[in-house]
Amino acid sequence: MRIDEVRQEIIDSAAHLVIVGGPGCGKTSIALVKTRKALDTVEDEQRVLFLSFSRAAVR
């Protein structure tokens, strides 16, 4: 996946974000990449639940 400057800023942001975009623009993919990065900071007793209602996440 190609990560442009705007998407990289989203991934690197520590703030809570609301991402708005049309179908197929990469919202779920970027959210998954951002979540994967956050997993590095999760402690052993913590868990992560990622819910998405997109067809891409189901696949």
Protein backbone atom coordinates (compact mmCIF):
# COMPACT_ATOMS: atom_id res chain seq x y z
CA MET A 1 0.00 0.00 0.00
CA ARG A 2 1.26 3.45 -0.91
CA ILE A 3 1.34 5.78 2.09
CA ASP A 4 1.28 9.43 1.06
CA GLU A 5 2.11 12.37 3.31
CA VAL A 6 -1.46 12.96 4.52
CA ARG A 7 -2.01 9.28 5.38
CA GLN A 8 1.33 9.15 7.19
CA GLU A 9 0.30 12.16 9.29
CA ILE A 10 -2.89 10.29 10.24
CA ILE A 11 -0.93 7.17 11.18
CA ASP A 12 1.58 9.18 13.24
CA SER A 13 -1.04 11.27 15.06
CA ALA A 14 -1.59 10.48 18.74
CA ALA A 15 -4.89 12.38 18.79
CA HIS A 16 -8.38 10.97 18.33
CA LEU A 17 -9.43 11.45 14.73
CA VAL A 18 -12.58 11.32 12.64
CA ILE A 19 -11.78 10.37 9.07
CA VAL A 20 -14.41 11.14 6.44
CA GLY A 21 -14.17 9.81 2.91
CA GLY A 22 -16.00 7.94 0.24
CA PRO A 23 -15.95 4.21 -0.41
CA GLY A 24 -12.61 2.78 -1.42
CA CYS A 25 -10.48 5.75 -0.31
CA GLY A 26 -8.57 3.68 2.28
CA LYS A 27 -10.19 4.62 5.59
CA THR A 28 -10.24 1.05 6.91
CA SER A 29 -6.76 0.23 5.63
CA ILE A 30 -5.27 3.29 7.32
CA ALA A 31 -7.16 2.49 10.53
CA LEU A 32 -5.72 -1.04 10.49
CA VAL A 33 -2.17 0.26 9.93
CA LYS A 34 -2.64 2.78 12.75
CA THR A 35 -4.00 0.06 15.04
CA ARG A 36 -1.08 -2.25 14.22
CA LYS A 37 1.33 0.52 15.18
CA ALA A 38 -0.55 1.03 18.48
CA LEU A 39 -0.22 -2.68 19.32
CA ASP A 40 3.45 -2.07 20.10
CA THR A 41 2.40 -0.04 23.16
CA VAL A 42 -0.22 -2.47 24.50
CA GLU A 43 0.72 -4.13 27.78
CA ASP A 44 0.32 -7.88 28.33
CA GLU A 45 -2.95 -7.61 30.25
CA GLN A 46 -4.50 -5.24 27.70
CA ARG A 47 -6.47 -6.30 24.64
CA VAL A 48 -7.48 -4.56 21.43
CA LEU A 49 -10.85 -4.94 19.74
CA PHE A 50 -11.09 -3.58 16.19
CA LEU A 51 -14.63 -3.32 14.84
CA SER A 52 -15.37 -2.33 11.29
CA PHE A 53 -18.44 -2.61 9.13
CA SER A 54 -16.65 -2.44 5.79
CA ARG A 55 -16.46 -5.16 3.18
CA ALA A 56 -12.66 -4.75 3.12
CA ALA A 57 -12.38 -5.61 6.82
CA VAL A 58 -14.60 -8.65 6.39
CA ARG A 59 -12.34 -9.99 3.63
